[in-house]
Amino acid sequence: MTLSLSTVHATYRPRREAPTLMAYYTVWSQRRALATLDAARLQDIGISKVDAAREAARPFWDLPC
């Protein structure tokens, strides 16, 4: 089997670094703050009450991509 530069380049995927404790805390605190917003504030940022509740219910380790 012969490897060419294009084959190696196409299969290379850089590693993502592991999330830090600060990342977990930040996501947790943002979700808690989102859970406390009233309907008027949610409308200001364009999020429905259902979407806000769904996001706030996610566990802290479920980080966004």
PDB file of N, CA and C in Angstrom:
ATOM      1  N   MET A   1       0.853  -1.179   0.000  1.00  0.00           N
ATOM      2  CA  MET A   1       0.000   0.000   0.000  1.00  0.00           C
ATOM      3  C   MET A   1       0.891   1.231   0.000  1.00  0.00           C
ATOM      4  N   THR A   2       0.555   2.159  -0.831  1.00  0.00           N
ATOM      5  CA  THR A   2       1.320   3.380  -0.954  1.00  0.00           C
ATOM      6  C   THR A   2       0.526   4.538  -0.358  1.00  0.00           C
ATOM      7  N   LEU A   3       1.169   5.294   0.507  1.00  0.00           N
ATOM      8  CA  LEU A   3       0.535   6.477   1.085  1.00  0.00           C
ATOM      9  C   LEU A   3       1.038   7.705   0.365  1.00  0.00           C
ATOM     10  N   SER A   4       0.126   8.509  -0.052  1.00  0.00           N
ATOM     11  CA  SER A   4       0.511   9.778  -0.641  1.00  0.00           C
ATOM     12  C   SER A   4       0.180  10.887   0.353  1.00  0.00           C
ATOM     13  N   LEU A   5       0.687  12.046   0.090  1.00  0.00           N
ATOM     14  CA  LEU A   5       0.434  13.182   0.974  1.00  0.00           C
ATOM     15  C   LEU A   5      -1.057  13.496   1.033  1.00  0.00           C
ATOM     16  N   SER A   6      -1.764  13.350  -0.081  1.00  0.00           N
ATOM     17  CA  SER A   6      -3.195  13.652  -0.084  1.00  0.00           C
ATOM     18  C   SER A   6      -3.982  12.651   0.773  1.00  0.00           C
ATOM     19  N   THR A   7      -3.538  11.407   0.830  1.00  0.00           N
ATOM     20  CA  THR A   7      -4.205  10.407   1.659  1.00  0.00           C
ATOM     21  C   THR A   7      -4.019  10.720   3.136  1.00  0.00           C
ATOM     22  N   VAL A   8      -2.811  11.064   3.506  1.00  0.00           N
ATOM     23  CA  VAL A   8      -2.529  11.391   4.901  1.00  0.00           C
ATOM     24  C   VAL A   8      -3.272  12.660   5.305  1.00  0.00           C
ATOM     25  N   HIS A   9      -3.262  13.654   4.445  1.00  0.00           N
ATOM     26  CA  HIS A   9      -3.933  14.920   4.754  1.00  0.00           C
ATOM     27  C   HIS A   9      -5.441  14.723   4.890  1.00  0.00           C
ATOM     28  N   ALA A  10      -6.029  13.889   4.062  1.00  0.00           N
ATOM     29  CA  ALA A  10      -7.474  13.687   4.100  1.00  0.00           C
ATOM     30  C   ALA A  10      -7.922  12.973   5.372  1.00  0.00           C
ATOM     31  N   THR A  11      -7.057  12.151   5.948  1.00  0.00           N
ATOM     32  CA  THR A  11      -7.456  11.404   7.136  1.00  0.00           C
ATOM     33  C   THR A  11      -6.998  12.059   8.435  1.00  0.00           C
ATOM     34  N   TYR A  12      -6.201  13.103   8.370  1.00  0.00           N
ATOM     35  CA  TYR A  12      -5.710  13.762   9.578  1.00  0.00           C
ATOM     36  C   TYR A  12      -6.819  14.583  10.210  1.00  0.00           C
ATOM     37  N   ARG A  13      -7.042  14.348  11.486  1.00  0.00           N
ATOM     38  CA  ARG A  13      -7.995  15.152  12.253  1.00  0.00           C
ATOM     39  C   ARG A  13      -7.284  15.602  13.524  1.00  0.00           C
ATOM     40  N   PRO A  14      -7.127  16.912  13.694  1.00  0.00           N
ATOM     41  CA  PRO A  14      -6.446  17.371  14.908  1.00  0.00           C
ATOM     42  C   PRO A  14      -7.259  17.025  16.148  1.00  0.00           C
ATOM     43  N   ARG A  15      -6.568  16.746  17.217  1.00  0.00           N
ATOM     44  CA  ARG A  15      -7.244  16.426  18.480  1.00  0.00           C
ATOM     45  C   ARG A  15      -7.864  17.670  19.079  1.00  0.00           C
ATOM     46  N   ARG A  16      -9.028  17.464  19.648  1.00  0.00           N
ATOM     47  CA  ARG A  16      -9.613  18.544  20.434  1.00  0.00           C
ATOM     48  C   ARG A  16      -9.117  18.384  21.854  1.00  0.00           C
ATOM     49  N   GLU A  17      -8.796  19.501  22.468  1.00  0.00           N
ATOM     50  CA  GLU A  17      -8.333  19.434  23.845  1.00  0.00           C
ATOM     51  C   GLU A  17      -9.507  19.104  24.770  1.00  0.00           C
ATOM     52  N   ALA A  18      -9.198  18.435  25.847  1.00  0.00           N
ATOM     53  CA  ALA A  18     -10.221  18.088  26.827  1.00  0.00           C
ATOM     54  C   ALA A  18     -10.744  19.368  27.481  1.00  0.00           C
ATOM     55  N   PRO A  19     -12.039  19.417  27.757  1.00  0.00           N
ATOM     56  CA  PRO A  19     -12.599  20.605  28.413  1.00  0.00           C
ATOM     57  C   PRO A  19     -12.000  20.794  29.810  1.00  0.00           C
ATOM     58  N   THR A  20     -11.866  22.026  30.190  1.00  0.00           N
ATOM     59  CA  THR A  20     -11.331  22.337  31.505  1.00  0.00           C
ATOM     60  C   THR A  20     -12.470  22.424  32.514  1.00  0.00           C
ATOM     61  N   LEU A  21     -12.117  22.437  33.758  1.00  0.00           N
ATOM     62  CA  LEU A  21     -13.103  22.607  34.816  1.00  0.00           C
ATOM     63  C   LEU A  21     -13.843  23.927  34.643  1.00  0.00           C
ATOM     64  N   MET A  22     -13.122  24.943  34.193  1.00  0.00           N
ATOM     65  CA  MET A  22     -13.732  26.261  33.985  1.00  0.00           C
ATOM     66  C   MET A  22     -14.800  26.202  32.893  1.00  0.00           C
ATOM     67  N   ALA A  23     -14.580  25.410  31.858  1.00  0.00           N
ATOM     68  CA  ALA A  23     -15.576  25.268  30.788  1.00  0.00           C
ATOM     69  C   ALA A  23     -16.850  24.642  31.329  1.00  0.00           C
ATOM     70  N   TYR A  24     -16.705  23.605  32.142  1.00  0.00           N
ATOM     71  CA  TYR A  24     -17.880  22.966  32.743  1.00  0.00           C
ATOM     72  C   TYR A  24     -18.628  23.947  33.649  1.00  0.00           C
ATOM     73  N   TYR A  25     -17.899  24.695  34.453  1.00  0.00           N
ATOM     74  CA  TYR A  25     -18.529  25.660  35.359  1.00  0.00           C
ATOM     75  C   TYR A  25     -19.251  26.756  34.574  1.00  0.00           C
ATOM     76  N   THR A  26     -18.617  27.238  33.517  1.00  0.00           N
ATOM     77  CA  THR A  26     -19.217  28.299  32.713  1.00  0.00           C
ATOM     78  C   THR A  26     -20.532  27.845  32.097  1.00  0.00           C
ATOM     79  N   VAL A  27     -20.532  26.651  31.516  1.00  0.00           N
ATOM     80  CA  VAL A  27     -21.757  26.119  30.909  1.00  0.00           C
ATOM     81  C   VAL A  27     -22.830  25.926  31.976  1.00  0.00           C
ATOM     82  N   TRP A  28     -22.447  25.387  33.124  1.00  0.00           N
ATOM     83  CA  TRP A  28     -23.403  25.176  34.209  1.00  0.00           C
ATOM     84  C   TRP A  28     -24.026  26.497  34.651  1.00  0.00           C
ATOM     85  N   SER A  29     -23.202  27.527  34.863  1.00  0.00           N
ATOM     86  CA  SER A  29     -23.728  28.806  35.349  1.00  0.00           C
ATOM     87  C   SER A  29     -24.579  29.503  34.288  1.00  0.00           C
ATOM     88  N   GLN A  30     -24.218  29.380  33.020  1.00  0.00           N
ATOM     89  CA  GLN A  30     -25.029  29.982  31.961  1.00  0.00           C
ATOM     90  C   GLN A  30     -26.389  29.301  31.861  1.00  0.00           C
ATOM     91  N   ARG A  31     -26.417  27.997  32.019  1.00  0.00           N
ATOM     92  CA  ARG A  31     -27.697  27.283  31.968  1.00  0.00           C
ATOM     93  C   ARG A  31     -28.570  27.623  33.166  1.00  0.00           C
ATOM     94  N   ARG A  32     -27.966  27.815  34.326  1.00  0.00           N
ATOM     95  CA  ARG A  32     -28.734  28.218  35.506  1.00  0.00           C
ATOM     96  C   ARG A  32     -29.301  29.621  35.303  1.00  0.00           C
ATOM     97  N   ALA A  33     -28.506  30.516  34.731  1.00  0.00           N
ATOM     98  CA  ALA A  33     -28.988  31.874  34.479  1.00  0.00           C
ATOM     99  C   ALA A  33     -30.116  31.866  33.443  1.00  0.00           C
ATOM    100  N   LEU A  34     -29.981  31.039  32.433  1.00  0.00           N
ATOM    101  CA  LEU A  34     -31.020  30.926  31.417  1.00  0.00           C
ATOM    102  C   LEU A  34     -32.333  30.447  32.030  1.00  0.00           C
ATOM    103  N   ALA A  35     -32.248  29.553  32.990  1.00  0.00           N
ATOM    104  CA  ALA A  35     -33.445  29.020  33.644  1.00  0.00           C
ATOM    105  C   ALA A  35     -34.185  30.080  34.443  1.00  0.00           C
ATOM    106  N   THR A  36     -33.512  31.140  34.839  1.00  0.00           N
ATOM    107  CA  THR A  36     -34.157  32.171  35.663  1.00  0.00           C
ATOM    108  C   THR A  36     -34.742  33.319  34.846  1.00  0.00           C
ATOM    109  N   LEU A  37     -34.511  33.349  33.542  1.00  0.00           N
ATOM    110  CA  LEU A  37     -35.017  34.456  32.727  1.00  0.00           C
ATOM    111  C   LEU A  37     -36.525  34.368  32.557  1.00  0.00           C
ATOM    112  N   ASP A  38     -37.162  35.529  32.597  1.00  0.00           N
ATOM    113  CA  ASP A  38     -38.611  35.554  32.385  1.00  0.00           C
ATOM    114  C   ASP A  38     -38.919  35.597  30.885  1.00  0.00           C
ATOM    115  N   ALA A  39     -40.193  35.522  30.557  1.00  0.00           N
ATOM    116  CA  ALA A  39     -40.622  35.424  29.156  1.00  0.00           C
ATOM    117  C   ALA A  39     -40.187  36.637  28.329  1.00  0.00           C
ATOM    118  N   ALA A  40     -40.224  37.823  28.929  1.00  0.00           N
ATOM    119  CA  ALA A  40     -39.837  39.029  28.197  1.00  0.00           C
ATOM    120  C   ALA A  40     -38.347  38.998  27.833  1.00  0.00           C
ATOM    121  N   ARG A  41     -37.508  38.568  28.763  1.00  0.00           N
ATOM    122  CA  ARG A  41     -36.066  38.497  28.492  1.00  0.00           C
ATOM    123  C   ARG A  41     -35.745  37.414  27.458  1.00  0.00           C
ATOM    124  N   LEU A  42     -36.469  36.302  27.548  1.00  0.00           N
ATOM    125  CA  LEU A  42     -36.264  35.236  26.564  1.00  0.00           C
ATOM    126  C   LEU A  42     -36.673  35.710  25.172  1.00  0.00           C
ATOM    127  N   GLN A  43     -37.755  36.481  25.098  1.00  0.00           N
ATOM    128  CA  GLN A  43     -38.182  37.019  23.816  1.00  0.00           C
ATOM    129  C   GLN A  43     -37.136  37.991  23.269  1.00  0.00           C
ATOM    130  N   ASP A  44     -36.513  38.778  24.146  1.00  0.00           N
ATOM    131  CA  ASP A  44     -35.466  39.712  23.726  1.00  0.00           C
ATOM    132  C   ASP A  44     -34.302  39.002  23.040  1.00  0.00           C
ATOM    133  N   ILE A  45     -33.957  37.829  23.530  1.00  0.00           N
ATOM    134  CA  ILE A  45     -32.827  37.106  22.943  1.00  0.00           C
ATOM    135  C   ILE A  45     -33.268  36.060  21.921  1.00  0.00           C
ATOM    136  N   GLY A  46     -34.575  35.983  21.660  1.00  0.00           N
ATOM    137  CA  GLY A  46     -35.085  35.120  20.608  1.00  0.00           C
ATOM    138  C   GLY A  46     -35.123  33.646  20.938  1.00  0.00           C
ATOM    139  N   ILE A  47     -35.371  33.328  22.206  1.00  0.00           N
ATOM    140  CA  ILE A  47     -35.447  31.925  22.636  1.00  0.00           C
ATOM    141  C   ILE A  47     -36.819  31.684  23.251  1.00  0.00           C
ATOM    142  N   SER A  48     -37.447  30.590  22.869  1.00  0.00           N
ATOM    143  CA  SER A  48     -38.749  30.264  23.443  1.00  0.00           C
ATOM    144  C   SER A  48     -38.565  29.696  24.850  1.00  0.00           C
ATOM    145  N   LYS A  49     -39.630  29.714  25.613  1.00  0.00           N
ATOM    146  CA  LYS A  49     -39.598  29.169  26.979  1.00  0.00           C
ATOM    147  C   LYS A  49     -39.263  27.676  26.967  1.00  0.00           C
ATOM    148  N   VAL A  50     -39.783  26.954  25.978  1.00  0.00           N
ATOM    149  CA  VAL A  50     -39.524  25.518  25.854  1.00  0.00           C
ATOM    150  C   VAL A  50     -38.045  25.259  25.541  1.00  0.00           C
ATOM    151  N   ASP A  51     -37.488  26.038  24.598  1.00  0.00           N
ATOM    152  CA  ASP A  51     -36.074  25.876  24.253  1.00  0.00           C
ATOM    153  C   ASP A  51     -35.171  26.206  25.441  1.00  0.00           C
ATOM    154  N   ALA A  52     -35.528  27.243  26.185  1.00  0.00           N
ATOM    155  CA  ALA A  52     -34.740  27.622  27.356  1.00  0.00           C
ATOM    156  C   ALA A  52     -34.790  26.531  28.419  1.00  0.00           C
ATOM    157  N   ALA A  53     -35.970  25.968  28.634  1.00  0.00           N
ATOM    158  CA  ALA A  53     -36.108  24.898  29.630  1.00  0.00           C
ATOM    159  C   ALA A  53     -35.325  23.656  29.200  1.00  0.00           C
ATOM    160  N   ARG A  54     -35.359  23.340  27.909  1.00  0.00           N
ATOM    161  CA  ARG A  54     -34.630  22.180  27.402  1.00  0.00           C
ATOM    162  C   ARG A  54     -33.116  22.379  27.578  1.00  0.00           C
ATOM    163  N   GLU A  55     -32.634  23.559  27.261  1.00  0.00           N
ATOM    164  CA  GLU A  55     -31.194  23.837  27.404  1.00  0.00           C
ATOM    165  C   GLU A  55     -30.788  23.840  28.870  1.00  0.00           C
ATOM    166  N   ALA A  56     -31.595  24.423  29.727  1.00  0.00           N
ATOM    167  CA  ALA A  56     -31.274  24.493  31.153  1.00  0.00           C
ATOM    168  C   ALA A  56     -31.281  23.116  31.805  1.00  0.00           C
ATOM    169  N   ALA A  57     -32.045  22.189  31.244  1.00  0.00           N
ATOM    170  CA  ALA A  57     -32.134  20.846  31.815  1.00  0.00           C
ATOM    171  C   ALA A  57     -30.961  19.948  31.402  1.00  0.00           C
ATOM    172  N   ARG A  58     -30.169  20.368  30.439  1.00  0.00           N
ATOM    173  CA  ARG A  58     -29.042  19.547  30.009  1.00  0.00           C
ATOM    174  C   ARG A  58     -28.005  19.472  31.126  1.00  0.00           C
ATOM    175  N   PRO A  59     -27.342  18.338  31.282  1.00  0.00           N
ATOM    176  CA  PRO A  59     -26.324  18.206  32.331  1.00  0.00           C
ATOM    177  C   PRO A  59     -25.079  19.042  31.999  1.00  0.00           C
ATOM    178  N   PHE A  60     -24.320  19.400  33.013  1.00  0.00           N
ATOM    179  CA  PHE A  60     -23.172  20.279  32.817  1.00  0.00           C
ATOM    180  C   PHE A  60     -22.105  19.657  31.925  1.00  0.00           C
ATOM    181  N   TRP A  61     -22.026  18.333  31.901  1.00  0.00           N
ATOM    182  CA  TRP A  61     -20.986  17.694  31.092  1.00  0.00           C
ATOM    183  C   TRP A  61     -21.367  17.623  29.614  1.00  0.00           C
ATOM    184  N   ASP A  62     -22.602  17.975  29.264  1.00  0.00           N
ATOM    185  CA  ASP A  62     -23.045  17.977  27.881  1.00  0.00           C
ATOM    186  C   ASP A  62     -22.713  19.345  27.271  1.00  0.00           C
ATOM    187  N   LEU A  63     -21.458  19.501  26.898  1.00  0.00           N
ATOM    188  CA  LEU A  63     -20.971  20.779  26.392  1.00  0.00           C
ATOM    189  C   LEU A  63     -21.352  20.975  24.933  1.00  0.00           C
ATOM    190  N   PRO A  64     -21.608  22.231  24.528  1.00  0.00           N
ATOM    191  CA  PRO A  64     -21.858  22.491  23.108  1.00  0.00           C
ATOM    192  C   PRO A  64     -20.560  22.295  22.298  1.00  0.00           C
ATOM    193  N   CYS A  65     -20.733  21.989  21.040  1.00  0.00           N
ATOM    194  CA  CYS A  65     -19.557  21.756  20.178  1.00  0.00           C
ATOM    195  C   CYS A  65     -18.814  22.991  19.957  1.00  0.00           C
TER     196      CYS A  65
END
